[in-house]
Amino acid sequence: MDSAKKTARFAGLLYLIWIVTGLYSLFYVPSQINMRDDAVTVAQNILSNEFLFRISIMNNVVNSSIWVFLVLVLYRLFKSVNGRQAKLLVALVLVQIPAVIIVEVFNVTSLMILKGEVLKTFELGQRQDLALLFLRMTDYGVLALELYWGLWLLPLGVLAYRSSFLPRFLGVWLIINGCALVVLSFTAVLLPEYKDTVFTIPVPAMLGEVAFMLWLLIIGAKPKPLDDTFSAPG
């Protein structure tokens, strides 16, 4: 159990870094660079905050790299619980990495267009509209990825629930968290006018990952106490 506890705490540390870097791009950067206005305003916002925009791109690449290492550590932690579920966990993460790279390529392309590094024969307004198109494609790419952000939590929740070294409520919470993300993804694509309304409903459910991360980081893998019938000689 000492080895499992160290593995769990290392997973918790990676999970913490992954969450912090993810929140940076999902919340902090949009609060500093408004990309919801018209093409001209968005272009001005990005160009006036070019370095922050570039940091966000690099941050997302680093975040995805950390996620790969995190899921491999989680596989090591849970493979003895259920090998198939652990492999499914890894697969649902790894399948997202190419999509993340493509999304960031779109972001880089939009910046190149806005700076006039490519499509130099296009007029300024045309370049701004085209750059905004790439940014909107990025937005929908993230909404599609949100589905997998939820799906990978389902086998993780099952593994946490079935393990003998984590409390079952964490597994249930992770499953609820995953289902909430899946619902948000479908709502954002199929019924975008209700996205903001639905997002406010499952906020407590969305904290399942945070609770799981804190447990791993602070407590690690803690074995359940033996039943009285086994703890004392007959």
C-alpha atoms as a PDB file:
ATOM      1  CA  MET A   1       0.000   0.000   0.000  1.00  0.00           C
ATOM      2  CA  ASP A   2       2.946   2.365   0.444  1.00  0.00           C
ATOM      3  CA  SER A   3       3.609   2.132  -3.292  1.00  0.00           C
ATOM      4  CA  ALA A   4      -0.059   2.665  -4.110  1.00  0.00           C
ATOM      5  CA  LYS A   5      -0.212   5.632  -1.766  1.00  0.00           C
ATOM      6  CA  LYS A   6       2.774   7.268  -3.456  1.00  0.00           C
ATOM      7  CA  THR A   7       1.280   6.589  -6.876  1.00  0.00           C
ATOM      8  CA  ALA A   8      -2.036   8.090  -5.781  1.00  0.00           C
ATOM      9  CA  ARG A   9      -0.393  11.225  -4.429  1.00  0.00           C
ATOM     10  CA  PHE A  10       1.673  11.638  -7.585  1.00  0.00           C
ATOM     11  CA  ALA A  11      -1.534  11.311  -9.594  1.00  0.00           C
ATOM     12  CA  GLY A  12      -3.104  13.932  -7.335  1.00  0.00           C
ATOM     13  CA  LEU A  13      -0.207  16.322  -7.986  1.00  0.00           C
ATOM     14  CA  LEU A  14      -0.456  15.857 -11.747  1.00  0.00           C
ATOM     15  CA  TYR A  15      -4.236  16.248 -11.509  1.00  0.00           C
ATOM     16  CA  LEU A  16      -3.804  19.543  -9.637  1.00  0.00           C
ATOM     17  CA  ILE A  17      -1.421  20.918 -12.286  1.00  0.00           C
ATOM     18  CA  TRP A  18      -3.741  19.704 -15.042  1.00  0.00           C
ATOM     19  CA  ILE A  19      -6.783  21.381 -13.491  1.00  0.00           C
ATOM     20  CA  VAL A  20      -4.959  24.680 -12.860  1.00  0.00           C
ATOM     21  CA  THR A  21      -3.598  24.888 -16.408  1.00  0.00           C
ATOM     22  CA  GLY A  22      -7.005  23.938 -17.793  1.00  0.00           C
ATOM     23  CA  LEU A  23      -8.821  26.615 -15.795  1.00  0.00           C
ATOM     24  CA  TYR A  24      -6.250  29.158 -16.967  1.00  0.00           C
ATOM     25  CA  SER A  25      -7.238  28.672 -20.605  1.00  0.00           C
ATOM     26  CA  LEU A  26     -10.946  28.099 -20.009  1.00  0.00           C
ATOM     27  CA  PHE A  27     -11.596  31.055 -17.695  1.00  0.00           C
ATOM     28  CA  TYR A  28      -8.671  33.425 -17.207  1.00  0.00           C
ATOM     29  CA  VAL A  29      -7.691  33.955 -20.852  1.00  0.00           C
ATOM     30  CA  PRO A  30     -11.297  34.572 -22.040  1.00  0.00           C
ATOM     31  CA  SER A  31     -11.695  37.099 -19.209  1.00  0.00           C
ATOM     32  CA  GLN A  32      -8.680  39.011 -20.566  1.00  0.00           C
ATOM     33  CA  ILE A  33      -9.313  38.577 -24.308  1.00  0.00           C
ATOM     34  CA  ASN A  34     -12.926  39.036 -25.371  1.00  0.00           C
ATOM     35  CA  MET A  35     -13.467  36.870 -28.441  1.00  0.00           C
ATOM     36  CA  ARG A  36     -17.267  37.034 -28.512  1.00  0.00           C
ATOM     37  CA  ASP A  37     -17.662  40.338 -30.388  1.00  0.00           C
ATOM     38  CA  ASP A  38     -17.563  41.168 -34.093  1.00  0.00           C
ATOM     39  CA  ALA A  39     -14.570  40.317 -36.268  1.00  0.00           C
ATOM     40  CA  VAL A  40     -12.965  43.756 -36.011  1.00  0.00           C
ATOM     41  CA  THR A  41     -13.180  43.900 -32.204  1.00  0.00           C
ATOM     42  CA  VAL A  42     -11.958  40.322 -31.799  1.00  0.00           C
ATOM     43  CA  ALA A  43      -8.996  41.052 -34.074  1.00  0.00           C
ATOM     44  CA  GLN A  44      -8.063  44.109 -32.028  1.00  0.00           C
ATOM     45  CA  ASN A  45      -8.425  42.187 -28.758  1.00  0.00           C
ATOM     46  CA  ILE A  46      -6.161  39.371 -29.913  1.00  0.00           C
ATOM     47  CA  LEU A  47      -3.489  41.594 -31.456  1.00  0.00           C
ATOM     48  CA  SER A  48      -3.351  43.809 -28.373  1.00  0.00           C
ATOM     49  CA  ASN A  49      -2.932  40.700 -26.203  1.00  0.00           C
ATOM     50  CA  GLU A  50      -0.857  38.639 -28.629  1.00  0.00           C
ATOM     51  CA  PHE A  51       1.601  37.303 -26.064  1.00  0.00           C
ATOM     52  CA  LEU A  52      -1.207  36.171 -23.746  1.00  0.00           C
ATOM     53  CA  PHE A  53      -2.907  34.498 -26.714  1.00  0.00           C
ATOM     54  CA  ARG A  54       0.320  32.657 -27.541  1.00  0.00           C
ATOM     55  CA  ILE A  55       0.737  31.623 -23.901  1.00  0.00           C
ATOM     56  CA  SER A  56      -2.778  30.194 -23.992  1.00  0.00           C
ATOM     57  CA  ILE A  57      -1.919  28.088 -27.053  1.00  0.00           C
ATOM     58  CA  MET A  58       1.244  26.744 -25.442  1.00  0.00           C
ATOM     59  CA  ASN A  59      -0.579  26.206 -22.158  1.00  0.00           C
ATOM     60  CA  ASN A  60      -3.150  23.987 -23.877  1.00  0.00           C
ATOM     61  CA  VAL A  61      -0.411  21.866 -25.443  1.00  0.00           C
ATOM     62  CA  VAL A  62       1.334  21.491 -22.077  1.00  0.00           C
ATOM     63  CA  ASN A  63      -2.010  20.737 -20.417  1.00  0.00           C
ATOM     64  CA  SER A  64      -2.664  17.891 -22.858  1.00  0.00           C
ATOM     65  CA  SER A  65       0.832  16.502 -22.281  1.00  0.00           C
ATOM     66  CA  ILE A  66       0.252  16.494 -18.526  1.00  0.00           C
ATOM     67  CA  TRP A  67      -3.063  14.732 -19.107  1.00  0.00           C
ATOM     68  CA  VAL A  68      -1.286  11.888 -20.921  1.00  0.00           C
ATOM     69  CA  PHE A  69       1.101  11.358 -18.010  1.00  0.00           C
ATOM     70  CA  LEU A  70      -1.783  11.663 -15.542  1.00  0.00           C
ATOM     71  CA  VAL A  71      -3.898   8.992 -17.195  1.00  0.00           C
ATOM     72  CA  LEU A  72      -0.902   6.625 -17.368  1.00  0.00           C
ATOM     73  CA  VAL A  73      -0.330   7.065 -13.631  1.00  0.00           C
ATOM     74  CA  LEU A  74      -4.039   6.473 -13.007  1.00  0.00           C
ATOM     75  CA  TYR A  75      -3.831   3.331 -15.127  1.00  0.00           C
ATOM     76  CA  ARG A  76      -0.998   2.092 -12.946  1.00  0.00           C
ATOM     77  CA  LEU A  77      -3.073   2.847  -9.863  1.00  0.00           C
ATOM     78  CA  PHE A  78      -6.283   1.174 -11.045  1.00  0.00           C
ATOM     79  CA  LYS A  79      -5.208  -1.630 -13.386  1.00  0.00           C
ATOM     80  CA  SER A  80      -5.463  -4.173 -10.573  1.00  0.00           C
ATOM     81  CA  VAL A  81      -9.051  -3.076  -9.897  1.00  0.00           C
ATOM     82  CA  ASN A  82     -10.320  -3.718 -13.428  1.00  0.00           C
ATOM     83  CA  GLY A  83      -7.971  -3.979 -16.380  1.00  0.00           C
ATOM     84  CA  ARG A  84     -10.600  -3.312 -19.070  1.00  0.00           C
ATOM     85  CA  GLN A  85     -11.964  -0.205 -17.400  1.00  0.00           C
ATOM     86  CA  ALA A  86      -8.422   1.074 -16.857  1.00  0.00           C
ATOM     87  CA  LYS A  87      -7.602   0.586 -20.555  1.00  0.00           C
ATOM     88  CA  LEU A  88     -10.847   2.316 -21.543  1.00  0.00           C
ATOM     89  CA  LEU A  89      -9.847   5.201 -19.296  1.00  0.00           C
ATOM     90  CA  VAL A  90      -6.540   5.583 -21.142  1.00  0.00           C
ATOM     91  CA  ALA A  91      -8.172   5.262 -24.580  1.00  0.00           C
ATOM     92  CA  LEU A  92     -10.768   7.986 -23.884  1.00  0.00           C
ATOM     93  CA  VAL A  93      -7.970  10.400 -23.022  1.00  0.00           C
ATOM     94  CA  LEU A  94      -5.477   9.545 -25.756  1.00  0.00           C
ATOM     95  CA  VAL A  95      -8.105   9.832 -28.491  1.00  0.00           C
ATOM     96  CA  GLN A  96      -8.518  13.526 -27.602  1.00  0.00           C
ATOM     97  CA  ILE A  97      -4.893  14.604 -27.981  1.00  0.00           C
ATOM     98  CA  PRO A  98      -4.863  14.868 -31.816  1.00  0.00           C
ATOM     99  CA  ALA A  99      -8.063  16.937 -31.667  1.00  0.00           C
ATOM    100  CA  VAL A 100      -6.474  19.298 -29.144  1.00  0.00           C
ATOM    101  CA  ILE A 101      -3.472  19.791 -31.451  1.00  0.00           C
ATOM    102  CA  ILE A 102      -5.789  20.557 -34.391  1.00  0.00           C
ATOM    103  CA  VAL A 103      -7.705  23.091 -32.311  1.00  0.00           C
ATOM    104  CA  GLU A 104      -4.473  24.864 -31.395  1.00  0.00           C
ATOM    105  CA  VAL A 105      -3.374  24.825 -35.043  1.00  0.00           C
ATOM    106  CA  PHE A 106      -6.588  26.717 -35.819  1.00  0.00           C
ATOM    107  CA  ASN A 107      -5.697  29.267 -33.135  1.00  0.00           C
ATOM    108  CA  VAL A 108      -2.186  29.727 -34.539  1.00  0.00           C
ATOM    109  CA  THR A 109      -3.629  30.056 -38.049  1.00  0.00           C
ATOM    110  CA  SER A 110      -6.077  32.737 -36.943  1.00  0.00           C
ATOM    111  CA  LEU A 111      -3.220  34.718 -35.389  1.00  0.00           C
ATOM    112  CA  MET A 112      -1.116  34.410 -38.553  1.00  0.00           C
ATOM    113  CA  ILE A 113      -4.040  35.662 -40.639  1.00  0.00           C
ATOM    114  CA  LEU A 114      -4.682  38.631 -38.340  1.00  0.00           C
ATOM    115  CA  LYS A 115      -1.005  39.631 -38.443  1.00  0.00           C
ATOM    116  CA  GLY A 116      -0.948  39.435 -42.215  1.00  0.00           C
ATOM    117  CA  GLU A 117       1.690  36.698 -42.290  1.00  0.00           C
ATOM    118  CA  VAL A 118      -0.470  34.706 -44.710  1.00  0.00           C
ATOM    119  CA  LEU A 119      -3.187  35.609 -47.253  1.00  0.00           C
ATOM    120  CA  LYS A 120      -1.493  38.957 -47.839  1.00  0.00           C
ATOM    121  CA  THR A 121      -3.539  39.593 -50.978  1.00  0.00           C
ATOM    122  CA  PHE A 122      -6.764  39.542 -48.947  1.00  0.00           C
ATOM    123  CA  GLU A 123      -8.231  42.793 -47.695  1.00  0.00           C
ATOM    124  CA  LEU A 124      -8.105  43.509 -43.959  1.00  0.00           C
ATOM    125  CA  GLY A 125     -11.815  42.877 -43.459  1.00  0.00           C
ATOM    126  CA  GLN A 126     -11.604  39.557 -45.265  1.00  0.00           C
ATOM    127  CA  ARG A 127      -8.680  38.428 -43.128  1.00  0.00           C
ATOM    128  CA  GLN A 128     -10.531  39.395 -39.968  1.00  0.00           C
ATOM    129  CA  ASP A 129     -13.636  37.459 -41.023  1.00  0.00           C
ATOM    130  CA  LEU A 130     -11.556  34.414 -41.934  1.00  0.00           C
ATOM    131  CA  ALA A 131      -9.659  34.545 -38.644  1.00  0.00           C
ATOM    132  CA  LEU A 132     -12.963  34.749 -36.771  1.00  0.00           C
ATOM    133  CA  LEU A 133     -14.146  31.676 -38.689  1.00  0.00           C
ATOM    134  CA  PHE A 134     -11.136  29.689 -37.447  1.00  0.00           C
ATOM    135  CA  LEU A 135     -11.781  30.888 -33.893  1.00  0.00           C
ATOM    136  CA  ARG A 136     -15.419  29.802 -34.093  1.00  0.00           C
ATOM    137  CA  MET A 137     -14.292  26.409 -35.399  1.00  0.00           C
ATOM    138  CA  THR A 138     -12.046  26.230 -32.346  1.00  0.00           C
ATOM    139  CA  ASP A 139     -15.017  26.967 -30.078  1.00  0.00           C
ATOM    140  CA  TYR A 140     -17.042  24.122 -31.547  1.00  0.00           C
ATOM    141  CA  GLY A 141     -14.043  21.840 -31.401  1.00  0.00           C
ATOM    142  CA  VAL A 142     -13.817  22.496 -27.667  1.00  0.00           C
ATOM    143  CA  LEU A 143     -17.551  21.801 -27.288  1.00  0.00           C
ATOM    144  CA  ALA A 144     -17.076  18.458 -29.029  1.00  0.00           C
ATOM    145  CA  LEU A 145     -14.102  17.657 -26.788  1.00  0.00           C
ATOM    146  CA  GLU A 146     -16.263  18.442 -23.771  1.00  0.00           C
ATOM    147  CA  LEU A 147     -18.139  15.225 -24.522  1.00  0.00           C
ATOM    148  CA  TYR A 148     -14.946  13.226 -24.009  1.00  0.00           C
ATOM    149  CA  TRP A 149     -14.083  15.290 -20.922  1.00  0.00           C
ATOM    150  CA  GLY A 150     -17.195  13.704 -19.479  1.00  0.00           C
ATOM    151  CA  LEU A 151     -16.819  10.222 -20.933  1.00  0.00           C
ATOM    152  CA  TRP A 152     -13.355   9.582 -19.471  1.00  0.00           C
ATOM    153  CA  LEU A 153     -14.732  10.267 -15.980  1.00  0.00           C
ATOM    154  CA  LEU A 154     -17.186   7.364 -16.249  1.00  0.00           C
ATOM    155  CA  PRO A 155     -14.616   4.520 -16.173  1.00  0.00           C
ATOM    156  CA  LEU A 156     -12.590   6.560 -13.686  1.00  0.00           C
ATOM    157  CA  GLY A 157     -15.639   6.773 -11.440  1.00  0.00           C
ATOM    158  CA  VAL A 158     -16.313   3.038 -11.784  1.00  0.00           C
ATOM    159  CA  LEU A 159     -12.710   2.237 -10.892  1.00  0.00           C
ATOM    160  CA  ALA A 160     -12.754   4.563  -7.878  1.00  0.00           C
ATOM    161  CA  TYR A 161     -16.045   3.019  -6.714  1.00  0.00           C
ATOM    162  CA  ARG A 162     -14.779  -0.561  -7.053  1.00  0.00           C
ATOM    163  CA  SER A 163     -11.375   0.087  -5.524  1.00  0.00           C
ATOM    164  CA  SER A 164     -10.611  -0.920  -1.973  1.00  0.00           C
ATOM    165  CA  PHE A 165      -8.491   2.161  -1.279  1.00  0.00           C
ATOM    166  CA  LEU A 166     -10.845   5.067  -2.119  1.00  0.00           C
ATOM    167  CA  PRO A 167     -14.230   5.985  -0.655  1.00  0.00           C
ATOM    168  CA  ARG A 168     -17.149   5.028  -2.864  1.00  0.00           C
ATOM    169  CA  PHE A 169     -18.708   8.493  -2.798  1.00  0.00           C
ATOM    170  CA  LEU A 170     -15.796   9.748  -4.915  1.00  0.00           C
ATOM    171  CA  GLY A 171     -16.624   7.215  -7.598  1.00  0.00           C
ATOM    172  CA  VAL A 172     -20.291   8.224  -7.592  1.00  0.00           C
ATOM    173  CA  TRP A 173     -19.345  11.913  -7.702  1.00  0.00           C
ATOM    174  CA  LEU A 174     -17.014  11.362 -10.666  1.00  0.00           C
ATOM    175  CA  ILE A 175     -19.742   9.537 -12.588  1.00  0.00           C
ATOM    176  CA  ILE A 176     -22.187  12.383 -11.916  1.00  0.00           C
ATOM    177  CA  ASN A 177     -19.501  14.876 -12.964  1.00  0.00           C
ATOM    178  CA  GLY A 178     -18.948  12.974 -16.208  1.00  0.00           C
ATOM    179  CA  CYS A 179     -22.661  12.790 -16.995  1.00  0.00           C
ATOM    180  CA  ALA A 180     -23.014  16.536 -16.365  1.00  0.00           C
ATOM    181  CA  LEU A 181     -20.238  17.288 -18.876  1.00  0.00           C
ATOM    182  CA  VAL A 182     -21.839  15.020 -21.462  1.00  0.00           C
ATOM    183  CA  VAL A 183     -25.165  16.845 -21.015  1.00  0.00           C
ATOM    184  CA  LEU A 184     -23.434  20.208 -21.349  1.00  0.00           C
ATOM    185  CA  SER A 185     -21.720  19.130 -24.563  1.00  0.00           C
ATOM    186  CA  PHE A 186     -24.948  17.942 -26.169  1.00  0.00           C
ATOM    187  CA  THR A 187     -26.794  21.051 -25.023  1.00  0.00           C
ATOM    188  CA  ALA A 188     -24.125  23.428 -26.333  1.00  0.00           C
ATOM    189  CA  VAL A 189     -24.215  21.823 -29.791  1.00  0.00           C
ATOM    190  CA  LEU A 190     -27.909  20.967 -30.149  1.00  0.00           C
ATOM    191  CA  LEU A 191     -29.539  23.714 -28.070  1.00  0.00           C
ATOM    192  CA  PRO A 192     -26.936  26.509 -27.747  1.00  0.00           C
ATOM    193  CA  GLU A 193     -29.522  29.012 -26.509  1.00  0.00           C
ATOM    194  CA  TYR A 194     -29.889  26.942 -23.322  1.00  0.00           C
ATOM    195  CA  LYS A 195     -26.172  26.389 -22.731  1.00  0.00           C
ATOM    196  CA  ASP A 196     -25.735  29.096 -20.080  1.00  0.00           C
ATOM    197  CA  THR A 197     -28.891  27.977 -18.254  1.00  0.00           C
ATOM    198  CA  VAL A 198     -27.840  24.322 -18.156  1.00  0.00           C
ATOM    199  CA  PHE A 199     -24.297  25.237 -17.113  1.00  0.00           C
ATOM    200  CA  THR A 200     -25.546  26.816 -13.870  1.00  0.00           C
ATOM    201  CA  ILE A 201     -27.552  23.748 -12.853  1.00  0.00           C
ATOM    202  CA  PRO A 202     -24.875  21.060 -12.312  1.00  0.00           C
ATOM    203  CA  VAL A 203     -22.215  23.250 -10.653  1.00  0.00           C
ATOM    204  CA  PRO A 204     -21.968  21.023  -7.502  1.00  0.00           C
ATOM    205  CA  ALA A 205     -21.689  17.969  -9.760  1.00  0.00           C
ATOM    206  CA  MET A 206     -18.769  19.569 -11.602  1.00  0.00           C
ATOM    207  CA  LEU A 207     -16.689  19.529  -8.417  1.00  0.00           C
ATOM    208  CA  GLY A 208     -16.290  15.752  -8.485  1.00  0.00           C
ATOM    209  CA  GLU A 209     -12.885  15.996 -10.154  1.00  0.00           C
ATOM    210  CA  VAL A 210     -11.715  18.565  -7.609  1.00  0.00           C
ATOM    211  CA  ALA A 211     -12.792  16.334  -4.709  1.00  0.00           C
ATOM    212  CA  PHE A 212     -11.089  13.331  -6.302  1.00  0.00           C
ATOM    213  CA  MET A 213      -7.893  15.307  -6.911  1.00  0.00           C
ATOM    214  CA  LEU A 214      -7.748  16.635  -3.353  1.00  0.00           C
ATOM    215  CA  TRP A 215      -8.299  13.157  -1.898  1.00  0.00           C
ATOM    216  CA  LEU A 216      -5.465  11.699  -3.965  1.00  0.00           C
ATOM    217  CA  LEU A 217      -3.142  14.601  -3.197  1.00  0.00           C
ATOM    218  CA  ILE A 218      -3.775  14.811   0.548  1.00  0.00           C
ATOM    219  CA  ILE A 219      -4.748  11.286   1.604  1.00  0.00           C
ATOM    220  CA  GLY A 220      -3.660   9.096  -1.300  1.00  0.00           C
ATOM    221  CA  ALA A 221      -4.696   5.456  -1.423  1.00  0.00           C
ATOM    222  CA  LYS A 222      -6.063   4.435   1.956  1.00  0.00           C
ATOM    223  CA  PRO A 223      -7.006   0.767   2.444  1.00  0.00           C
ATOM    224  CA  LYS A 224     -10.340  -0.006   4.048  1.00  0.00           C
ATOM    225  CA  PRO A 225     -10.162  -1.461   7.558  1.00  0.00           C
ATOM    226  CA  LEU A 226     -10.591  -5.205   7.827  1.00  0.00           C
ATOM    227  CA  ASP A 227     -13.826  -6.612   9.205  1.00  0.00           C
ATOM    228  CA  ASP A 228     -13.792  -7.579  12.860  1.00  0.00           C
ATOM    229  CA  THR A 229     -14.046 -11.238  11.880  1.00  0.00           C
ATOM    230  CA  PHE A 230     -10.668 -11.003  10.202  1.00  0.00           C
ATOM    231  CA  SER A 231      -8.950  -8.459  12.418  1.00  0.00           C
ATOM    232  CA  ALA A 232      -8.777 -10.617  15.533  1.00  0.00           C
ATOM    233  CA  PRO A 233      -7.916 -14.279  15.998  1.00  0.00           C
ATOM    234  CA  GLY A 234     -10.879 -16.599  16.326  1.00  0.00           C
END
